């Protein structure tokens, strides 16, 4: 079952009850809120991206696409038990990666 959350506000906006019959038209209410001293009840959110995050984002965007055929072939080999891991080469690569060489 879907619920329309847009209609659940019940006339609330900025913490004030809006009743166009009692307060006039929507335009008049908006004009009243736009006057100095009638600041909205909520502040806008902001996000700052660090320089390191920007570098990571650029690096991710420049990464090569994933070879779906190769991924599928490896998955199939793992599933049927024919995938072999060279433990010596794996250990060597881990050591190189961890030492930063």
PDB file of N, CA and C in Angstrom:
ATOM      1  N   UNK A   1       0.849  -1.182   0.000  1.00  0.00           N
ATOM      2  CA  UNK A   1       0.000   0.000   0.000  1.00  0.00           C
ATOM      3  C   UNK A   1       0.884   1.231   0.000  1.00  0.00           C
ATOM      4  N   UNK A   2       0.611   2.179  -0.861  1.00  0.00           N
ATOM      5  CA  UNK A   2       1.381   3.410  -0.962  1.00  0.00           C
ATOM      6  C   UNK A   2       0.684   4.524  -0.206  1.00  0.00           C
ATOM      7  N   UNK A   3       1.478   5.365   0.435  1.00  0.00           N
ATOM      8  CA  UNK A   3       0.946   6.506   1.162  1.00  0.00           C
ATOM      9  C   UNK A   3       1.509   7.771   0.528  1.00  0.00           C
ATOM     10  N   UNK A   4       0.650   8.711   0.234  1.00  0.00           N
ATOM     11  CA  UNK A   4       1.074   9.987  -0.338  1.00  0.00           C
ATOM     12  C   UNK A   4       1.512  10.892   0.803  1.00  0.00           C
ATOM     13  N   UNK A   5       2.841  10.952   1.047  1.00  0.00           N
ATOM     14  CA  UNK A   5       3.333  11.746   2.168  1.00  0.00           C
ATOM     15  C   UNK A   5       3.256  13.244   1.910  1.00  0.00           C
ATOM     16  N   UNK A   6       3.120  13.635   0.655  1.00  0.00           N
ATOM     17  CA  UNK A   6       3.016  15.053   0.341  1.00  0.00           C
ATOM     18  C   UNK A   6       1.735  15.663   0.873  1.00  0.00           C
ATOM     19  N   UNK A   7       0.718  14.854   1.010  1.00  0.00           N
ATOM     20  CA  UNK A   7      -0.557  15.387   1.485  1.00  0.00           C
ATOM     21  C   UNK A   7      -0.685  15.301   2.999  1.00  0.00           C
ATOM     22  N   UNK A   8       0.321  14.785   3.699  1.00  0.00           N
ATOM     23  CA  UNK A   8       0.243  14.609   5.142  1.00  0.00           C
ATOM     24  C   UNK A   8       0.571  15.869   5.930  1.00  0.00           C
ATOM     25  N   UNK A   9       1.048  16.907   5.269  1.00  0.00           N
ATOM     26  CA  UNK A   9       1.467  18.104   5.986  1.00  0.00           C
ATOM     27  C   UNK A   9       0.297  18.810   6.655  1.00  0.00           C
ATOM     28  N   UNK A  10      -0.897  18.595   6.193  1.00  0.00           N
ATOM     29  CA  UNK A  10      -2.073  19.196   6.819  1.00  0.00           C
ATOM     30  C   UNK A  10      -2.040  20.708   6.831  1.00  0.00           C
ATOM     31  N   UNK A  11      -1.392  21.309   5.844  1.00  0.00           N
ATOM     32  CA  UNK A  11      -1.338  22.763   5.786  1.00  0.00           C
ATOM     33  C   UNK A  11      -0.179  23.357   6.559  1.00  0.00           C
ATOM     34  N   UNK A  12       0.745  22.534   7.053  1.00  0.00           N
ATOM     35  CA  UNK A  12       1.892  23.050   7.797  1.00  0.00           C
ATOM     36  C   UNK A  12       3.013  23.413   6.849  1.00  0.00           C
ATOM     37  N   UNK A  13       3.617  24.540   7.110  1.00  0.00           N
ATOM     38  CA  UNK A  13       4.776  24.948   6.326  1.00  0.00           C
ATOM     39  C   UNK A  13       5.604  25.852   7.220  1.00  0.00           C
ATOM     40  N   UNK A  14       6.854  25.470   7.427  1.00  0.00           N
ATOM     41  CA  UNK A  14       7.730  26.295   8.253  1.00  0.00           C
ATOM     42  C   UNK A  14       7.244  26.389   9.693  1.00  0.00           C
ATOM     43  N   UNK A  15       6.560  25.391  10.191  1.00  0.00           N
ATOM     44  CA  UNK A  15       6.108  25.379  11.571  1.00  0.00           C
ATOM     45  C   UNK A  15       4.858  26.206  11.817  1.00  0.00           C
ATOM     46  N   UNK A  16       4.246  26.776  10.789  1.00  0.00           N
ATOM     47  CA  UNK A  16       3.051  27.597  10.935  1.00  0.00           C
ATOM     48  C   UNK A  16       1.885  26.913  10.233  1.00  0.00           C
ATOM     49  N   UNK A  17       0.708  27.013  10.780  1.00  0.00           N
ATOM     50  CA  UNK A  17      -0.474  26.441  10.149  1.00  0.00           C
ATOM     51  C   UNK A  17      -0.967  27.414   9.092  1.00  0.00           C
ATOM     52  N   UNK A  18      -1.193  26.867   7.893  1.00  0.00           N
ATOM     53  CA  UNK A  18      -1.662  27.696   6.791  1.00  0.00           C
ATOM     54  C   UNK A  18      -3.145  27.438   6.586  1.00  0.00           C
ATOM     55  N   UNK A  19      -3.920  28.436   6.716  1.00  0.00           N
ATOM     56  CA  UNK A  19      -5.348  28.327   6.466  1.00  0.00           C
ATOM     57  C   UNK A  19      -5.711  29.502   5.581  1.00  0.00           C
ATOM     58  N   UNK A  20      -5.863  29.250   4.299  1.00  0.00           N
ATOM     59  CA  UNK A  20      -6.083  30.349   3.369  1.00  0.00           C
ATOM     60  C   UNK A  20      -7.420  31.027   3.602  1.00  0.00           C
ATOM     61  N   UNK A  21      -8.367  30.335   4.171  1.00  0.00           N
ATOM     62  CA  UNK A  21      -9.662  30.965   4.444  1.00  0.00           C
ATOM     63  C   UNK A  21      -9.513  32.004   5.552  1.00  0.00           C
ATOM     64  N   UNK A  22      -8.713  31.711   6.571  1.00  0.00           N
ATOM     65  CA  UNK A  22      -8.558  32.627   7.699  1.00  0.00           C
ATOM     66  C   UNK A  22      -7.485  33.676   7.442  1.00  0.00           C
ATOM     67  N   UNK A  23      -6.432  33.297   6.709  1.00  0.00           N
ATOM     68  CA  UNK A  23      -5.283  34.196   6.538  1.00  0.00           C
ATOM     69  C   UNK A  23      -5.233  34.873   5.181  1.00  0.00           C
ATOM     70  N   UNK A  24      -6.152  34.615   4.324  1.00  0.00           N
ATOM     71  CA  UNK A  24      -6.108  35.190   2.983  1.00  0.00           C
ATOM     72  C   UNK A  24      -5.555  34.185   2.000  1.00  0.00           C
ATOM     73  N   UNK A  25      -5.191  34.648   0.830  1.00  0.00           N
ATOM     74  CA  UNK A  25      -4.695  33.755  -0.212  1.00  0.00           C
ATOM     75  C   UNK A  25      -3.283  33.274   0.099  1.00  0.00           C
ATOM     76  N   UNK A  26      -2.853  32.261  -0.630  1.00  0.00           N
ATOM     77  CA  UNK A  26      -1.497  31.740  -0.451  1.00  0.00           C
ATOM     78  C   UNK A  26      -0.465  32.812  -0.779  1.00  0.00           C
ATOM     79  N   UNK A  27      -0.748  33.640  -1.773  1.00  0.00           N
ATOM     80  CA  UNK A  27       0.182  34.701  -2.149  1.00  0.00           C
ATOM     81  C   UNK A  27       0.359  35.693  -1.010  1.00  0.00           C
ATOM     82  N   UNK A  28      -0.729  36.024  -0.331  1.00  0.00           N
ATOM     83  CA  UNK A  28      -0.636  36.957   0.793  1.00  0.00           C
ATOM     84  C   UNK A  28       0.184  36.367   1.923  1.00  0.00           C
ATOM     85  N   UNK A  29       0.021  35.076   2.189  1.00  0.00           N
ATOM     86  CA  UNK A  29       0.793  34.413   3.237  1.00  0.00           C
ATOM     87  C   UNK A  29       2.267  34.411   2.864  1.00  0.00           C
ATOM     88  N   UNK A  30       2.578  34.126   1.592  1.00  0.00           N
ATOM     89  CA  UNK A  30       3.961  34.121   1.136  1.00  0.00           C
ATOM     90  C   UNK A  30       4.575  35.509   1.271  1.00  0.00           C
ATOM     91  N   UNK A  31       3.815  36.560   0.965  1.00  0.00           N
ATOM     92  CA  UNK A  31       4.320  37.928   1.086  1.00  0.00           C
ATOM     93  C   UNK A  31       4.609  38.258   2.540  1.00  0.00           C
ATOM     94  N   UNK A  32       3.748  37.807   3.458  1.00  0.00           N
ATOM     95  CA  UNK A  32       3.978  38.050   4.887  1.00  0.00           C
ATOM     96  C   UNK A  32       5.251  37.368   5.349  1.00  0.00           C
ATOM     97  N   UNK A  33       5.477  36.127   4.880  1.00  0.00           N
ATOM     98  CA  UNK A  33       6.674  35.387   5.281  1.00  0.00           C
ATOM     99  C   UNK A  33       7.937  36.002   4.703  1.00  0.00           C
ATOM    100  N   UNK A  34       7.848  36.691   3.584  1.00  0.00           N
ATOM    101  CA  UNK A  34       9.019  37.266   2.935  1.00  0.00           C
ATOM    102  C   UNK A  34       9.480  38.556   3.606  1.00  0.00           C
ATOM    103  N   UNK A  35       8.697  39.096   4.520  1.00  0.00           N
ATOM    104  CA  UNK A  35       9.047  40.346   5.179  1.00  0.00           C
ATOM    105  C   UNK A  35      10.189  40.120   6.165  1.00  0.00           C
ATOM    106  N   UNK A  36      11.013  41.156   6.408  1.00  0.00           N
ATOM    107  CA  UNK A  36      12.108  41.024   7.378  1.00  0.00           C
ATOM    108  C   UNK A  36      11.557  40.617   8.752  1.00  0.00           C
ATOM    109  N   UNK A  37      12.329  39.774   9.437  1.00  0.00           N
ATOM    110  CA  UNK A  37      11.901  39.313  10.746  1.00  0.00           C
ATOM    111  C   UNK A  37      11.068  38.050  10.692  1.00  0.00           C
ATOM    112  N   UNK A  38      10.666  37.625   9.515  1.00  0.00           N
ATOM    113  CA  UNK A  38       9.883  36.401   9.360  1.00  0.00           C
ATOM    114  C   UNK A  38      10.755  35.328   8.710  1.00  0.00           C
ATOM    115  N   UNK A  39      11.886  35.011   9.331  1.00  0.00           N
ATOM    116  CA  UNK A  39      12.802  34.015   8.787  1.00  0.00           C
ATOM    117  C   UNK A  39      12.165  32.636   8.858  1.00  0.00           C
ATOM    118  N   UNK A  40      12.473  31.784   7.897  1.00  0.00           N
ATOM    119  CA  UNK A  40      11.931  30.428   7.943  1.00  0.00           C
ATOM    120  C   UNK A  40      12.406  29.692   9.183  1.00  0.00           C
ATOM    121  N   UNK A  41      11.624  28.731   9.634  1.00  0.00           N
ATOM    122  CA  UNK A  41      11.934  27.994  10.850  1.00  0.00           C
ATOM    123  C   UNK A  41      13.085  27.019  10.665  1.00  0.00           C
ATOM    124  N   UNK A  42      13.390  26.646   9.423  1.00  0.00           N
ATOM    125  CA  UNK A  42      14.459  25.680   9.184  1.00  0.00           C
ATOM    126  C   UNK A  42      15.573  26.318   8.375  1.00  0.00           C
ATOM    127  N   UNK A  43      16.785  25.804   8.572  1.00  0.00           N
ATOM    128  CA  UNK A  43      17.942  26.266   7.811  1.00  0.00           C
ATOM    129  C   UNK A  43      18.258  25.228   6.753  1.00  0.00           C
ATOM    130  N   UNK A  44      18.893  25.657   5.690  1.00  0.00           N
ATOM    131  CA  UNK A  44      19.280  24.735   4.632  1.00  0.00           C
ATOM    132  C   UNK A  44      20.513  23.946   5.037  1.00  0.00           C
ATOM    133  N   UNK A  45      20.637  22.748   4.518  1.00  0.00           N
ATOM    134  CA  UNK A  45      21.803  21.922   4.771  1.00  0.00           C
ATOM    135  C   UNK A  45      22.904  22.299   3.802  1.00  0.00           C
ATOM    136  N   UNK A  46      24.126  22.057   4.208  1.00  0.00           N
ATOM    137  CA  UNK A  46      25.244  22.284   3.306  1.00  0.00           C
ATOM    138  C   UNK A  46      26.252  21.156   3.480  1.00  0.00           C
ATOM    139  N   UNK A  47      27.009  20.903   2.416  1.00  0.00           N
ATOM    140  CA  UNK A  47      28.004  19.851   2.429  1.00  0.00           C
ATOM    141  C   UNK A  47      29.290  20.419   1.866  1.00  0.00           C
ATOM    142  N   UNK A  48      30.398  20.079   2.490  1.00  0.00           N
ATOM    143  CA  UNK A  48      31.703  20.464   1.974  1.00  0.00           C
ATOM    144  C   UNK A  48      32.479  19.194   1.692  1.00  0.00           C
ATOM    145  N   UNK A  49      33.004  19.080   0.490  1.00  0.00           N
ATOM    146  CA  UNK A  49      33.773  17.916   0.084  1.00  0.00           C
ATOM    147  C   UNK A  49      35.252  18.228   0.288  1.00  0.00           C
ATOM    148  N   UNK A  50      35.949  17.353   1.010  1.00  0.00           N
ATOM    149  CA  UNK A  50      37.366  17.570   1.264  1.00  0.00           C
ATOM    150  C   UNK A  50      38.178  17.407  -0.016  1.00  0.00           C
ATOM    151  N   UNK A  51      39.381  17.927   0.019  1.00  0.00           N
ATOM    152  CA  UNK A  51      40.262  17.827  -1.145  1.00  0.00           C
ATOM    153  C   UNK A  51      40.595  16.362  -1.419  1.00  0.00           C
ATOM    154  N   UNK A  52      40.780  15.580  -0.362  1.00  0.00           N
ATOM    155  CA  UNK A  52      41.079  14.157  -0.528  1.00  0.00           C
ATOM    156  C   UNK A  52      39.903  13.421  -1.169  1.00  0.00           C
ATOM    157  N   UNK A  53      38.683  13.760  -0.756  1.00  0.00           N
ATOM    158  CA  UNK A  53      37.497  13.134  -1.351  1.00  0.00           C
ATOM    159  C   UNK A  53      37.381  13.501  -2.823  1.00  0.00           C
ATOM    160  N   UNK A  54      37.710  14.727  -3.180  1.00  0.00           N
ATOM    161  CA  UNK A  54      37.669  15.139  -4.583  1.00  0.00           C
ATOM    162  C   UNK A  54      38.685  14.342  -5.404  1.00  0.00           C
ATOM    163  N   UNK A  55      39.877  14.133  -4.845  1.00  0.00           N
ATOM    164  CA  UNK A  55      40.892  13.338  -5.542  1.00  0.00           C
ATOM    165  C   UNK A  55      40.409  11.910  -5.753  1.00  0.00           C
ATOM    166  N   UNK A  56      39.802  11.331  -4.700  1.00  0.00           N
ATOM    167  CA  UNK A  56      39.281   9.972  -4.817  1.00  0.00           C
ATOM    168  C   UNK A  56      38.167   9.886  -5.855  1.00  0.00           C
ATOM    169  N   UNK A  57      37.309  10.890  -5.889  1.00  0.00           N
ATOM    170  CA  UNK A  57      36.229  10.914  -6.864  1.00  0.00           C
ATOM    171  C   UNK A  57      36.782  10.968  -8.284  1.00  0.00           C
ATOM    172  N   UNK A  58      37.780  11.817  -8.496  1.00  0.00           N
ATOM    173  CA  UNK A  58      38.400  11.931  -9.824  1.00  0.00           C
ATOM    174  C   UNK A  58      39.081  10.625 -10.216  1.00  0.00           C
ATOM    175  N   UNK A  59      39.737   9.985  -9.241  1.00  0.00           N
ATOM    176  CA  UNK A  59      40.404   8.716  -9.503  1.00  0.00           C
ATOM    177  C   UNK A  59      39.388   7.640  -9.871  1.00  0.00           C
ATOM    178  N   UNK A  60      38.270   7.607  -9.165  1.00  0.00           N
ATOM    179  CA  UNK A  60      37.231   6.619  -9.450  1.00  0.00           C
ATOM    180  C   UNK A  60      36.622   6.841 -10.832  1.00  0.00           C
ATOM    181  N   UNK A  61      36.443   8.095 -11.211  1.00  0.00           N
ATOM    182  CA  UNK A  61      35.855   8.392 -12.515  1.00  0.00           C
ATOM    183  C   UNK A  61      36.801   8.043 -13.658  1.00  0.00           C
ATOM    184  N   UNK A  62      38.105   8.085 -13.395  1.00  0.00           N
ATOM    185  CA  UNK A  62      39.066   7.790 -14.452  1.00  0.00           C
ATOM    186  C   UNK A  62      39.439   6.309 -14.493  1.00  0.00           C
ATOM    187  N   UNK A  63      38.897   5.504 -13.567  1.00  0.00           N
ATOM    188  CA  UNK A  63      39.184   4.068 -13.547  1.00  0.00           C
ATOM    189  C   UNK A  63      38.570   3.397 -14.773  1.00  0.00           C
ATOM    190  N   UNK A  64      39.194   2.333 -15.241  1.00  0.00           N
ATOM    191  CA  UNK A  64      38.648   1.640 -16.411  1.00  0.00           C
ATOM    192  C   UNK A  64      37.314   0.970 -16.073  1.00  0.00           C
ATOM    193  N   UNK A  65      36.527   0.748 -17.107  1.00  0.00           N
ATOM    194  CA  UNK A  65      35.242   0.076 -16.924  1.00  0.00           C
ATOM    195  C   UNK A  65      35.470  -1.375 -16.509  1.00  0.00           C
ATOM    196  N   UNK A  66      34.467  -1.959 -15.873  1.00  0.00           N
ATOM    197  CA  UNK A  66      34.546  -3.354 -15.439  1.00  0.00           C
ATOM    198  C   UNK A  66      34.272  -4.257 -16.638  1.00  0.00           C
ATOM    199  N   UNK A  67      35.130  -5.241 -16.821  1.00  0.00           N
ATOM    200  CA  UNK A  67      34.971  -6.206 -17.901  1.00  0.00           C
ATOM    201  C   UNK A  67      33.990  -7.277 -17.433  1.00  0.00           C
ATOM    202  N   UNK A  68      32.712  -7.107 -17.778  1.00  0.00           N
ATOM    203  CA  UNK A  68      31.665  -8.007 -17.307  1.00  0.00           C
ATOM    204  C   UNK A  68      31.874  -9.445 -17.791  1.00  0.00           C
ATOM    205  N   UNK A  69      32.427  -9.617 -18.978  1.00  0.00           N
ATOM    206  CA  UNK A  69      32.688 -10.964 -19.483  1.00  0.00           C
ATOM    207  C   UNK A  69      33.733 -11.677 -18.627  1.00  0.00           C
ATOM    208  N   UNK A  70      34.771 -10.944 -18.236  1.00  0.00           N
ATOM    209  CA  UNK A  70      35.813 -11.536 -17.396  1.00  0.00           C
ATOM    210  C   UNK A  70      35.250 -11.877 -16.017  1.00  0.00           C
ATOM    211  N   UNK A  71      34.441 -10.994 -15.469  1.00  0.00           N
ATOM    212  CA  UNK A  71      33.817 -11.248 -14.173  1.00  0.00           C
ATOM    213  C   UNK A  71      32.947 -12.498 -14.245  1.00  0.00           C
ATOM    214  N   UNK A  72      32.162 -12.623 -15.288  1.00  0.00           N
ATOM    215  CA  UNK A  72      31.295 -13.789 -15.454  1.00  0.00           C
ATOM    216  C   UNK A  72      32.116 -15.066 -15.581  1.00  0.00           C
ATOM    217  N   UNK A  73      33.231 -15.014 -16.310  1.00  0.00           N
ATOM    218  CA  UNK A  73      34.088 -16.190 -16.480  1.00  0.00           C
ATOM    219  C   UNK A  73      34.698 -16.615 -15.145  1.00  0.00           C
ATOM    220  N   UNK A  74      35.136 -15.652 -14.350  1.00  0.00           N
ATOM    221  CA  UNK A  74      35.714 -15.973 -13.044  1.00  0.00           C
ATOM    222  C   UNK A  74      34.649 -16.552 -12.115  1.00  0.00           C
ATOM    223  N   UNK A  75      33.457 -15.968 -12.126  1.00  0.00           N
ATOM    224  CA  UNK A  75      32.354 -16.497 -11.305  1.00  0.00           C
ATOM    225  C   UNK A  75      32.052 -17.945 -11.671  1.00  0.00           C
ATOM    226  N   UNK A  76      31.993 -18.196 -12.961  1.00  0.00           N
ATOM    227  CA  UNK A  76      31.693 -19.554 -13.423  1.00  0.00           C
ATOM    228  C   UNK A  76      32.784 -20.524 -12.981  1.00  0.00           C
ATOM    229  N   UNK A  77      34.050 -20.101 -13.084  1.00  0.00           N
ATOM    230  CA  UNK A  77      35.164 -20.958 -12.678  1.00  0.00           C
ATOM    231  C   UNK A  77      35.126 -21.230 -11.169  1.00  0.00           C
ATOM    232  N   UNK A  78      34.767 -20.241 -10.378  1.00  0.00           N
ATOM    233  CA  UNK A  78      34.647 -20.437  -8.928  1.00  0.00           C
ATOM    234  C   UNK A  78      33.525 -21.418  -8.629  1.00  0.00           C
ATOM    235  N   UNK A  79      32.381 -21.239  -9.290  1.00  0.00           N
ATOM    236  CA  UNK A  79      31.227 -22.105  -9.046  1.00  0.00           C
ATOM    237  C   UNK A  79      31.494 -23.558  -9.432  1.00  0.00           C
ATOM    238  N   UNK A  80      32.218 -23.777 -10.535  1.00  0.00           N
ATOM    239  CA  UNK A  80      32.447 -25.172 -10.951  1.00  0.00           C
ATOM    240  C   UNK A  80      33.729 -25.760 -10.351  1.00  0.00           C
ATOM    241  N   UNK A  81      34.431 -24.952  -9.538  1.00  0.00           N
ATOM    242  CA  UNK A  81      35.603 -25.467  -8.825  1.00  0.00           C
ATOM    243  C   UNK A  81      36.888 -25.471  -9.629  1.00  0.00           C
ATOM    244  N   UNK A  82      36.893 -24.899 -10.812  1.00  0.00           N
ATOM    245  CA  UNK A  82      38.098 -24.916 -11.643  1.00  0.00           C
ATOM    246  C   UNK A  82      38.996 -23.690 -11.435  1.00  0.00           C
ATOM    247  N   UNK A  83      38.566 -22.740 -10.614  1.00  0.00           N
ATOM    248  CA  UNK A  83      39.365 -21.526 -10.384  1.00  0.00           C
ATOM    249  C   UNK A  83      40.523 -21.873  -9.457  1.00  0.00           C
ATOM    250  N   UNK A  84      41.736 -21.612  -9.893  1.00  0.00           N
ATOM    251  CA  UNK A  84      42.935 -21.908  -9.109  1.00  0.00           C
ATOM    252  C   UNK A  84      43.619 -20.610  -8.699  1.00  0.00           C
ATOM    253  N   UNK A  85      44.035 -20.563  -7.441  1.00  0.00           N
ATOM    254  CA  UNK A  85      44.730 -19.394  -6.915  1.00  0.00           C
ATOM    255  C   UNK A  85      46.190 -19.762  -6.726  1.00  0.00           C
ATOM    256  N   UNK A  86      47.090 -18.952  -7.283  1.00  0.00           N
ATOM    257  CA  UNK A  86      48.526 -19.140  -7.084  1.00  0.00           C
ATOM    258  C   UNK A  86      48.883 -18.448  -5.770  1.00  0.00           C
ATOM    259  N   UNK A  87      48.994 -19.238  -4.703  1.00  0.00           N
ATOM    260  CA  UNK A  87      49.206 -18.661  -3.371  1.00  0.00           C
ATOM    261  C   UNK A  87      50.535 -17.920  -3.263  1.00  0.00           C
ATOM    262  N   UNK A  88      51.569 -18.364  -3.969  1.00  0.00           N
ATOM    263  CA  UNK A  88      52.859 -17.681  -3.941  1.00  0.00           C
ATOM    264  C   UNK A  88      52.756 -16.285  -4.571  1.00  0.00           C
ATOM    265  N   UNK A  89      52.105 -16.210  -5.729  1.00  0.00           N
ATOM    266  CA  UNK A  89      51.938 -14.922  -6.405  1.00  0.00           C
ATOM    267  C   UNK A  89      51.047 -13.998  -5.578  1.00  0.00           C
ATOM    268  N   UNK A  90      49.998 -14.561  -4.973  1.00  0.00           N
ATOM    269  CA  UNK A  90      49.115 -13.759  -4.128  1.00  0.00           C
ATOM    270  C   UNK A  90      49.871 -13.179  -2.942  1.00  0.00           C
ATOM    271  N   UNK A  91      50.658 -14.013  -2.258  1.00  0.00           N
ATOM    272  CA  UNK A  91      51.438 -13.555  -1.103  1.00  0.00           C
ATOM    273  C   UNK A  91      52.425 -12.458  -1.516  1.00  0.00           C
ATOM    274  N   UNK A  92      53.077 -12.638  -2.654  1.00  0.00           N
ATOM    275  CA  UNK A  92      54.034 -11.645  -3.158  1.00  0.00           C
ATOM    276  C   UNK A  92      53.329 -10.313  -3.419  1.00  0.00           C
ATOM    277  N   UNK A  93      52.155 -10.365  -4.060  1.00  0.00           N
ATOM    278  CA  UNK A  93      51.408  -9.143  -4.354  1.00  0.00           C
ATOM    279  C   UNK A  93      50.920  -8.442  -3.086  1.00  0.00           C
ATOM    280  N   UNK A  94      50.524  -9.218  -2.098  1.00  0.00           N
ATOM    281  CA  UNK A  94      50.084  -8.624  -0.824  1.00  0.00           C
ATOM    282  C   UNK A  94      51.245  -7.912  -0.149  1.00  0.00           C
ATOM    283  N   UNK A  95      52.402  -8.546  -0.126  1.00  0.00           N
ATOM    284  CA  UNK A  95      53.587  -7.931   0.487  1.00  0.00           C
ATOM    285  C   UNK A  95      53.964  -6.648  -0.241  1.00  0.00           C
ATOM    286  N   UNK A  96      53.946  -6.667  -1.578  1.00  0.00           N
ATOM    287  CA  UNK A  96      54.263  -5.467  -2.354  1.00  0.00           C
ATOM    288  C   UNK A  96      53.267  -4.358  -2.072  1.00  0.00           C
ATOM    289  N   UNK A  97      51.987  -4.699  -2.008  1.00  0.00           N
ATOM    290  CA  UNK A  97      50.958  -3.703  -1.747  1.00  0.00           C
ATOM    291  C   UNK A  97      51.116  -3.084  -0.363  1.00  0.00           C
ATOM    292  N   UNK A  98      51.336  -3.920   0.632  1.00  0.00           N
ATOM    293  CA  UNK A  98      51.447  -3.443   2.017  1.00  0.00           C
ATOM    294  C   UNK A  98      52.718  -2.635   2.253  1.00  0.00           C
ATOM    295  N   UNK A  99      53.789  -2.945   1.542  1.00  0.00           N
ATOM    296  CA  UNK A  99      55.037  -2.212   1.730  1.00  0.00           C
ATOM    297  C   UNK A  99      55.125  -0.977   0.870  1.00  0.00           C
ATOM    298  N   UNK A 100      54.169  -0.809  -0.039  1.00  0.00           N
ATOM    299  CA  UNK A 100      54.112   0.400  -0.864  1.00  0.00           C
ATOM    300  C   UNK A 100      55.113   0.389  -2.010  1.00  0.00           C
ATOM    301  N   UNK A 101      55.585  -0.770  -2.395  1.00  0.00           N
ATOM    302  CA  UNK A 101      56.567  -0.859  -3.480  1.00  0.00           C
ATOM    303  C   UNK A 101      55.927  -0.809  -4.823  1.00  0.00           C
TER     304      UNK A 101
END
